[in-house]
């Protein structure tokens, strides 16, 4: 994970691995971006520089593959079967 990774790139990497339609991916990405931006804003309010806040946000959320796996596992089983 690069130090200069943007939250948008991070969210895109998370949803790119999900077994769902591009519309569902867009919705999930939008929701994830809300969470990421909220955490980044809180860190900026605490006094962190913008880029540092982005880096901390990404670190706190964790590796993209881990988040993707957790999201995939939380999708209803029937939906996974139909999508495959």
PDB file of N, CA and C in Angstrom:
ATOM      1  N   UNK A   1       0.852  -1.180   0.000  1.00  0.00           N
ATOM      2  CA  UNK A   1       0.000   0.000   0.000  1.00  0.00           C
ATOM      3  C   UNK A   1       0.893   1.236   0.000  1.00  0.00           C
ATOM      4  N   UNK A   2       0.702   2.072  -0.981  1.00  0.00           N
ATOM      5  CA  UNK A   2       1.580   3.236  -1.111  1.00  0.00           C
ATOM      6  C   UNK A   2       1.190   4.340  -0.141  1.00  0.00           C
ATOM      7  N   UNK A   3       2.180   5.136   0.229  1.00  0.00           N
ATOM      8  CA  UNK A   3       1.926   6.245   1.145  1.00  0.00           C
ATOM      9  C   UNK A   3       1.019   7.282   0.523  1.00  0.00           C
ATOM     10  N   UNK A   4       1.021   7.360  -0.812  1.00  0.00           N
ATOM     11  CA  UNK A   4       0.249   8.379  -1.496  1.00  0.00           C
ATOM     12  C   UNK A   4      -1.117   7.876  -1.952  1.00  0.00           C
ATOM     13  N   UNK A   5      -1.498   6.679  -1.536  1.00  0.00           N
ATOM     14  CA  UNK A   5      -2.786   6.139  -1.956  1.00  0.00           C
ATOM     15  C   UNK A   5      -3.913   7.083  -1.528  1.00  0.00           C
ATOM     16  N   UNK A   6      -4.801   7.319  -2.440  1.00  0.00           N
ATOM     17  CA  UNK A   6      -5.964   8.155  -2.154  1.00  0.00           C
ATOM     18  C   UNK A   6      -7.094   7.260  -1.662  1.00  0.00           C
ATOM     19  N   UNK A   7      -7.995   7.837  -0.904  1.00  0.00           N
ATOM     20  CA  UNK A   7      -9.115   7.067  -0.374  1.00  0.00           C
ATOM     21  C   UNK A   7      -9.945   6.466  -1.502  1.00  0.00           C
ATOM     22  N   UNK A   8     -10.103   7.200  -2.593  1.00  0.00           N
ATOM     23  CA  UNK A   8     -10.869   6.717  -3.743  1.00  0.00           C
ATOM     24  C   UNK A   8     -10.229   5.448  -4.321  1.00  0.00           C
ATOM     25  N   UNK A   9      -8.906   5.447  -4.439  1.00  0.00           N
ATOM     26  CA  UNK A   9      -8.190   4.281  -4.960  1.00  0.00           C
ATOM     27  C   UNK A   9      -8.353   3.097  -4.004  1.00  0.00           C
ATOM     28  N   UNK A  10      -8.268   3.364  -2.739  1.00  0.00           N
ATOM     29  CA  UNK A  10      -8.423   2.329  -1.718  1.00  0.00           C
ATOM     30  C   UNK A  10      -9.811   1.689  -1.837  1.00  0.00           C
ATOM     31  N   UNK A  11     -10.846   2.527  -1.892  1.00  0.00           N
ATOM     32  CA  UNK A  11     -12.219   2.020  -1.992  1.00  0.00           C
ATOM     33  C   UNK A  11     -12.411   1.230  -3.280  1.00  0.00           C
ATOM     34  N   UNK A  12     -11.824   1.706  -4.371  1.00  0.00           N
ATOM     35  CA  UNK A  12     -11.925   1.013  -5.662  1.00  0.00           C
ATOM     36  C   UNK A  12     -11.286  -0.370  -5.572  1.00  0.00           C
ATOM     37  N   UNK A  13     -10.143  -0.464  -4.921  1.00  0.00           N
ATOM     38  CA  UNK A  13      -9.481  -1.764  -4.763  1.00  0.00           C
ATOM     39  C   UNK A  13     -10.323  -2.711  -3.922  1.00  0.00           C
ATOM     40  N   UNK A  14     -10.981  -2.187  -2.904  1.00  0.00           N
ATOM     41  CA  UNK A  14     -11.831  -3.030  -2.054  1.00  0.00           C
ATOM     42  C   UNK A  14     -12.979  -3.611  -2.874  1.00  0.00           C
ATOM     43  N   UNK A  15     -13.710  -2.778  -3.592  1.00  0.00           N
ATOM     44  CA  UNK A  15     -14.903  -3.261  -4.295  1.00  0.00           C
ATOM     45  C   UNK A  15     -14.572  -4.060  -5.549  1.00  0.00           C
ATOM     46  N   UNK A  16     -13.375  -3.879  -6.104  1.00  0.00           N
ATOM     47  CA  UNK A  16     -13.026  -4.588  -7.339  1.00  0.00           C
ATOM     48  C   UNK A  16     -13.034  -6.108  -7.154  1.00  0.00           C
ATOM     49  N   UNK A  17     -12.858  -6.588  -5.936  1.00  0.00           N
ATOM     50  CA  UNK A  17     -12.812  -8.023  -5.660  1.00  0.00           C
ATOM     51  C   UNK A  17     -14.173  -8.603  -5.271  1.00  0.00           C
ATOM     52  N   UNK A  18     -15.188  -7.779  -5.176  1.00  0.00           N
ATOM     53  CA  UNK A  18     -16.488  -8.260  -4.700  1.00  0.00           C
ATOM     54  C   UNK A  18     -17.264  -8.994  -5.798  1.00  0.00           C
ATOM     55  N   UNK A  19     -17.951 -10.079  -5.418  1.00  0.00           N
ATOM     56  CA  UNK A  19     -18.729 -10.850  -6.395  1.00  0.00           C
ATOM     57  C   UNK A  19     -20.125 -10.261  -6.573  1.00  0.00           C
ATOM     58  N   UNK A  20     -20.200  -9.066  -7.171  1.00  0.00           N
ATOM     59  CA  UNK A  20     -21.500  -8.442  -7.366  1.00  0.00           C
ATOM     60  C   UNK A  20     -21.465  -7.568  -8.624  1.00  0.00           C
ATOM     61  N   UNK A  21     -22.609  -7.019  -8.972  1.00  0.00           N
ATOM     62  CA  UNK A  21     -22.716  -6.201 -10.189  1.00  0.00           C
ATOM     63  C   UNK A  21     -21.991  -4.868 -10.023  1.00  0.00           C
ATOM     64  N   UNK A  22     -21.740  -4.219 -11.149  1.00  0.00           N
ATOM     65  CA  UNK A  22     -21.044  -2.924 -11.075  1.00  0.00           C
ATOM     66  C   UNK A  22     -21.886  -1.888 -10.341  1.00  0.00           C
ATOM     67  N   UNK A  23     -23.208  -2.022 -10.395  1.00  0.00           N
ATOM     68  CA  UNK A  23     -24.076  -1.063  -9.683  1.00  0.00           C
ATOM     69  C   UNK A  23     -23.972  -1.285  -8.176  1.00  0.00           C
ATOM     70  N   UNK A  24     -23.951  -2.553  -7.783  1.00  0.00           N
ATOM     71  CA  UNK A  24     -23.798  -2.854  -6.357  1.00  0.00           C
ATOM     72  C   UNK A  24     -22.422  -2.402  -5.870  1.00  0.00           C
ATOM     73  N   UNK A  25     -21.408  -2.622  -6.696  1.00  0.00           N
ATOM     74  CA  UNK A  25     -20.058  -2.177  -6.335  1.00  0.00           C
ATOM     75  C   UNK A  25     -20.026  -0.672  -6.141  1.00  0.00           C
ATOM     76  N   UNK A  26     -20.710   0.058  -7.020  1.00  0.00           N
ATOM     77  CA  UNK A  26     -20.749   1.522  -6.906  1.00  0.00           C
ATOM     78  C   UNK A  26     -21.416   1.939  -5.596  1.00  0.00           C
ATOM     79  N   UNK A  27     -22.515   1.276  -5.258  1.00  0.00           N
ATOM     80  CA  UNK A  27     -23.218   1.599  -4.006  1.00  0.00           C
ATOM     81  C   UNK A  27     -22.346   1.299  -2.792  1.00  0.00           C
ATOM     82  N   UNK A  28     -21.674   0.155  -2.819  1.00  0.00           N
ATOM     83  CA  UNK A  28     -20.800  -0.222  -1.704  1.00  0.00           C
ATOM     84  C   UNK A  28     -19.630   0.744  -1.616  1.00  0.00           C
ATOM     85  N   UNK A  29     -19.087   1.113  -2.769  1.00  0.00           N
ATOM     86  CA  UNK A  29     -17.958   2.058  -2.789  1.00  0.00           C
ATOM     87  C   UNK A  29     -18.400   3.407  -2.214  1.00  0.00           C
ATOM     88  N   UNK A  30     -19.585   3.868  -2.591  1.00  0.00           N
ATOM     89  CA  UNK A  30     -20.094   5.144  -2.072  1.00  0.00           C
ATOM     90  C   UNK A  30     -20.213   5.100  -0.551  1.00  0.00           C
ATOM     91  N   UNK A  31     -20.738   3.993  -0.038  1.00  0.00           N
ATOM     92  CA  UNK A  31     -20.886   3.869   1.414  1.00  0.00           C
ATOM     93  C   UNK A  31     -19.517   3.803   2.097  1.00  0.00           C
ATOM     94  N   UNK A  32     -18.603   3.045   1.497  1.00  0.00           N
ATOM     95  CA  UNK A  32     -17.249   2.944   2.042  1.00  0.00           C
ATOM     96  C   UNK A  32     -16.570   4.310   2.036  1.00  0.00           C
ATOM     97  N   UNK A  33     -16.750   5.078   0.965  1.00  0.00           N
ATOM     98  CA  UNK A  33     -16.159   6.418   0.881  1.00  0.00           C
ATOM     99  C   UNK A  33     -16.702   7.324   1.984  1.00  0.00           C
ATOM    100  N   UNK A  34     -17.986   7.183   2.304  1.00  0.00           N
ATOM    101  CA  UNK A  34     -18.562   7.967   3.406  1.00  0.00           C
ATOM    102  C   UNK A  34     -17.828   7.671   4.712  1.00  0.00           C
ATOM    103  N   UNK A  35     -17.590   6.376   4.978  1.00  0.00           N
ATOM    104  CA  UNK A  35     -16.892   5.980   6.202  1.00  0.00           C
ATOM    105  C   UNK A  35     -15.443   6.474   6.203  1.00  0.00           C
ATOM    106  N   UNK A  36     -14.775   6.300   5.068  1.00  0.00           N
ATOM    107  CA  UNK A  36     -13.374   6.717   4.964  1.00  0.00           C
ATOM    108  C   UNK A  36     -13.227   8.224   5.147  1.00  0.00           C
ATOM    109  N   UNK A  37     -14.071   8.986   4.461  1.00  0.00           N
ATOM    110  CA  UNK A  37     -13.996  10.447   4.557  1.00  0.00           C
ATOM    111  C   UNK A  37     -14.343  10.939   5.960  1.00  0.00           C
ATOM    112  N   UNK A  38     -15.267  10.257   6.607  1.00  0.00           N
ATOM    113  CA  UNK A  38     -15.639  10.623   7.968  1.00  0.00           C
ATOM    114  C   UNK A  38     -14.450  10.430   8.914  1.00  0.00           C
ATOM    115  N   UNK A  39     -13.780   9.277   8.799  1.00  0.00           N
ATOM    116  CA  UNK A  39     -12.630   9.024   9.659  1.00  0.00           C
ATOM    117  C   UNK A  39     -11.506  10.012   9.355  1.00  0.00           C
ATOM    118  N   UNK A  40     -11.274  10.276   8.072  1.00  0.00           N
ATOM    119  CA  UNK A  40     -10.221  11.228   7.687  1.00  0.00           C
ATOM    120  C   UNK A  40     -10.529  12.607   8.264  1.00  0.00           C
ATOM    121  N   UNK A  41     -11.764  13.040   8.180  1.00  0.00           N
ATOM    122  CA  UNK A  41     -12.160  14.346   8.713  1.00  0.00           C
ATOM    123  C   UNK A  41     -11.928  14.434  10.216  1.00  0.00           C
ATOM    124  N   UNK A  42     -12.255  13.350  10.914  1.00  0.00           N
ATOM    125  CA  UNK A  42     -12.035  13.330  12.367  1.00  0.00           C
ATOM    126  C   UNK A  42     -10.541  13.480  12.672  1.00  0.00           C
ATOM    127  N   UNK A  43      -9.703  12.801  11.898  1.00  0.00           N
ATOM    128  CA  UNK A  43      -8.253  12.877  12.115  1.00  0.00           C
ATOM    129  C   UNK A  43      -7.722  14.274  11.815  1.00  0.00           C
ATOM    130  N   UNK A  44      -8.242  14.908  10.769  1.00  0.00           N
ATOM    131  CA  UNK A  44      -7.829  16.281  10.439  1.00  0.00           C
ATOM    132  C   UNK A  44      -8.237  17.218  11.579  1.00  0.00           C
ATOM    133  N   UNK A  45      -9.445  17.010  12.114  1.00  0.00           N
ATOM    134  CA  UNK A  45      -9.898  17.828  13.245  1.00  0.00           C
ATOM    135  C   UNK A  45      -9.012  17.633  14.469  1.00  0.00           C
ATOM    136  N   UNK A  46      -8.437  16.423  14.598  1.00  0.00           N
ATOM    137  CA  UNK A  46      -7.532  16.151  15.716  1.00  0.00           C
ATOM    138  C   UNK A  46      -6.150  16.774  15.498  1.00  0.00           C
ATOM    139  N   UNK A  47      -5.922  17.333  14.310  1.00  0.00           N
ATOM    140  CA  UNK A  47      -4.668  18.021  14.074  1.00  0.00           C
ATOM    141  C   UNK A  47      -3.721  17.374  13.074  1.00  0.00           C
ATOM    142  N   UNK A  48      -4.121  16.251  12.492  1.00  0.00           N
ATOM    143  CA  UNK A  48      -3.268  15.611  11.497  1.00  0.00           C
ATOM    144  C   UNK A  48      -3.331  16.354  10.170  1.00  0.00           C
ATOM    145  N   UNK A  49      -2.217  16.344   9.444  1.00  0.00           N
ATOM    146  CA  UNK A  49      -2.199  16.899   8.082  1.00  0.00           C
ATOM    147  C   UNK A  49      -3.073  15.999   7.207  1.00  0.00           C
ATOM    148  N   UNK A  50      -3.568  16.565   6.114  1.00  0.00           N
ATOM    149  CA  UNK A  50      -4.467  15.842   5.205  1.00  0.00           C
ATOM    150  C   UNK A  50      -3.903  14.477   4.773  1.00  0.00           C
ATOM    151  N   UNK A  51      -2.685  14.456   4.219  1.00  0.00           N
ATOM    152  CA  UNK A  51      -2.111  13.208   3.712  1.00  0.00           C
ATOM    153  C   UNK A  51      -1.857  12.205   4.840  1.00  0.00           C
ATOM    154  N   UNK A  52      -1.447  12.710   5.983  1.00  0.00           N
ATOM    155  CA  UNK A  52      -1.236  11.846   7.136  1.00  0.00           C
ATOM    156  C   UNK A  52      -2.561  11.227   7.601  1.00  0.00           C
ATOM    157  N   UNK A  53      -3.616  12.025   7.563  1.00  0.00           N
ATOM    158  CA  UNK A  53      -4.943  11.544   7.943  1.00  0.00           C
ATOM    159  C   UNK A  53      -5.420  10.458   6.978  1.00  0.00           C
ATOM    160  N   UNK A  54      -5.136  10.636   5.692  1.00  0.00           N
ATOM    161  CA  UNK A  54      -5.502   9.628   4.692  1.00  0.00           C
ATOM    162  C   UNK A  54      -4.754   8.327   4.978  1.00  0.00           C
ATOM    163  N   UNK A  55      -3.469   8.427   5.210  1.00  0.00           N
ATOM    164  CA  UNK A  55      -2.647   7.248   5.484  1.00  0.00           C
ATOM    165  C   UNK A  55      -3.140   6.511   6.732  1.00  0.00           C
ATOM    166  N   UNK A  56      -3.419   7.260   7.794  1.00  0.00           N
ATOM    167  CA  UNK A  56      -3.924   6.645   9.025  1.00  0.00           C
ATOM    168  C   UNK A  56      -5.286   5.989   8.811  1.00  0.00           C
ATOM    169  N   UNK A  57      -6.131   6.622   8.031  1.00  0.00           N
ATOM    170  CA  UNK A  57      -7.450   6.060   7.740  1.00  0.00           C
ATOM    171  C   UNK A  57      -7.314   4.716   7.047  1.00  0.00           C
ATOM    172  N   UNK A  58      -6.474   4.657   6.026  1.00  0.00           N
ATOM    173  CA  UNK A  58      -6.253   3.417   5.280  1.00  0.00           C
ATOM    174  C   UNK A  58      -5.659   2.347   6.196  1.00  0.00           C
ATOM    175  N   UNK A  59      -4.709   2.737   7.034  1.00  0.00           N
ATOM    176  CA  UNK A  59      -4.100   1.780   7.966  1.00  0.00           C
ATOM    177  C   UNK A  59      -5.132   1.236   8.945  1.00  0.00           C
ATOM    178  N   UNK A  60      -5.992   2.095   9.439  1.00  0.00           N
ATOM    179  CA  UNK A  60      -6.989   1.672  10.432  1.00  0.00           C
ATOM    180  C   UNK A  60      -8.049   0.756   9.816  1.00  0.00           C
ATOM    181  N   UNK A  61      -8.394   1.001   8.559  1.00  0.00           N
ATOM    182  CA  UNK A  61      -9.379   0.139   7.904  1.00  0.00           C
ATOM    183  C   UNK A  61      -8.772  -1.223   7.580  1.00  0.00           C
ATOM    184  N   UNK A  62      -7.500  -1.241   7.228  1.00  0.00           N
ATOM    185  CA  UNK A  62      -6.821  -2.508   6.975  1.00  0.00           C
ATOM    186  C   UNK A  62      -6.628  -2.803   5.502  1.00  0.00           C
ATOM    187  N   UNK A  63      -5.981  -3.937   5.214  1.00  0.00           N
ATOM    188  CA  UNK A  63      -5.686  -4.303   3.829  1.00  0.00           C
ATOM    189  C   UNK A  63      -6.957  -4.443   2.984  1.00  0.00           C
ATOM    190  N   UNK A  64      -6.877  -4.011   1.737  1.00  0.00           N
ATOM    191  CA  UNK A  64      -8.051  -4.038   0.854  1.00  0.00           C
ATOM    192  C   UNK A  64      -8.596  -5.454   0.682  1.00  0.00           C
ATOM    193  N   UNK A  65      -7.718  -6.437   0.570  1.00  0.00           N
ATOM    194  CA  UNK A  65      -8.191  -7.817   0.378  1.00  0.00           C
ATOM    195  C   UNK A  65      -8.939  -8.328   1.605  1.00  0.00           C
ATOM    196  N   UNK A  66      -8.512  -7.912   2.786  1.00  0.00           N
ATOM    197  CA  UNK A  66      -9.193  -8.312   4.016  1.00  0.00           C
ATOM    198  C   UNK A  66     -10.594  -7.709   4.061  1.00  0.00           C
ATOM    199  N   UNK A  67     -10.693  -6.421   3.731  1.00  0.00           N
ATOM    200  CA  UNK A  67     -12.002  -5.751   3.733  1.00  0.00           C
ATOM    201  C   UNK A  67     -12.904  -6.380   2.675  1.00  0.00           C
ATOM    202  N   UNK A  68     -12.359  -6.650   1.493  1.00  0.00           N
ATOM    203  CA  UNK A  68     -13.143  -7.295   0.427  1.00  0.00           C
ATOM    204  C   UNK A  68     -13.683  -8.647   0.877  1.00  0.00           C
ATOM    205  N   UNK A  69     -12.822  -9.440   1.514  1.00  0.00           N
ATOM    206  CA  UNK A  69     -13.240 -10.768   1.978  1.00  0.00           C
ATOM    207  C   UNK A  69     -14.363 -10.637   3.008  1.00  0.00           C
ATOM    208  N   UNK A  70     -14.202  -9.699   3.930  1.00  0.00           N
ATOM    209  CA  UNK A  70     -15.223  -9.514   4.965  1.00  0.00           C
ATOM    210  C   UNK A  70     -16.550  -9.064   4.352  1.00  0.00           C
ATOM    211  N   UNK A  71     -16.473  -8.177   3.380  1.00  0.00           N
ATOM    212  CA  UNK A  71     -17.701  -7.732   2.710  1.00  0.00           C
ATOM    213  C   UNK A  71     -18.339  -8.881   1.936  1.00  0.00           C
ATOM    214  N   UNK A  72     -17.513  -9.671   1.240  1.00  0.00           N
ATOM    215  CA  UNK A  72     -18.026 -10.818   0.483  1.00  0.00           C
ATOM    216  C   UNK A  72     -18.723 -11.810   1.406  1.00  0.00           C
ATOM    217  N   UNK A  73     -18.106 -12.057   2.559  1.00  0.00           N
ATOM    218  CA  UNK A  73     -18.679 -13.008   3.518  1.00  0.00           C
ATOM    219  C   UNK A  73     -19.977 -12.489   4.114  1.00  0.00           C
ATOM    220  N   UNK A  74     -20.153 -11.184   4.135  1.00  0.00           N
ATOM    221  CA  UNK A  74     -21.374 -10.627   4.716  1.00  0.00           C
ATOM    222  C   UNK A  74     -22.528 -10.584   3.715  1.00  0.00           C
ATOM    223  N   UNK A  75     -22.227 -10.839   2.428  1.00  0.00           N
ATOM    224  CA  UNK A  75     -23.291 -10.856   1.420  1.00  0.00           C
ATOM    225  C   UNK A  75     -24.101 -12.142   1.594  1.00  0.00           C
ATOM    226  N   UNK A  76     -25.410 -12.048   1.395  1.00  0.00           N
ATOM    227  CA  UNK A  76     -26.247 -13.246   1.543  1.00  0.00           C
ATOM    228  C   UNK A  76     -25.772 -14.376   0.626  1.00  0.00           C
ATOM    229  N   UNK A  77     -25.814 -15.598   1.142  1.00  0.00           N
ATOM    230  CA  UNK A  77     -25.331 -16.770   0.417  1.00  0.00           C
ATOM    231  C   UNK A  77     -26.060 -16.960  -0.912  1.00  0.00           C
ATOM    232  N   UNK A  78     -27.362 -16.784  -0.930  1.00  0.00           N
ATOM    233  CA  UNK A  78     -28.127 -16.981  -2.164  1.00  0.00           C
ATOM    234  C   UNK A  78     -27.650 -16.006  -3.237  1.00  0.00           C
ATOM    235  N   UNK A  79     -27.343 -14.778  -2.837  1.00  0.00           N
ATOM    236  CA  UNK A  79     -26.852 -13.791  -3.792  1.00  0.00           C
ATOM    237  C   UNK A  79     -25.524 -14.234  -4.389  1.00  0.00           C
ATOM    238  N   UNK A  80     -24.636 -14.793  -3.561  1.00  0.00           N
ATOM    239  CA  UNK A  80     -23.345 -15.264  -4.053  1.00  0.00           C
ATOM    240  C   UNK A  80     -23.542 -16.378  -5.071  1.00  0.00           C
ATOM    241  N   UNK A  81     -24.478 -17.289  -4.792  1.00  0.00           N
ATOM    242  CA  UNK A  81     -24.731 -18.415  -5.674  1.00  0.00           C
ATOM    243  C   UNK A  81     -25.266 -17.923  -7.010  1.00  0.00           C
ATOM    244  N   UNK A  82     -26.212 -17.020  -6.977  1.00  0.00           N
ATOM    245  CA  UNK A  82     -26.814 -16.480  -8.202  1.00  0.00           C
ATOM    246  C   UNK A  82     -25.790 -15.733  -9.025  1.00  0.00           C
ATOM    247  N   UNK A  83     -24.909 -14.967  -8.365  1.00  0.00           N
ATOM    248  CA  UNK A  83     -23.918 -14.160  -9.076  1.00  0.00           C
ATOM    249  C   UNK A  83     -22.889 -15.023  -9.789  1.00  0.00           C
ATOM    250  N   UNK A  84     -22.574 -16.191  -9.225  1.00  0.00           N
ATOM    251  CA  UNK A  84     -21.580 -17.071  -9.846  1.00  0.00           C
ATOM    252  C   UNK A  84     -22.222 -17.817 -10.969  1.00  0.00           C
TER     253      UNK A  84
END
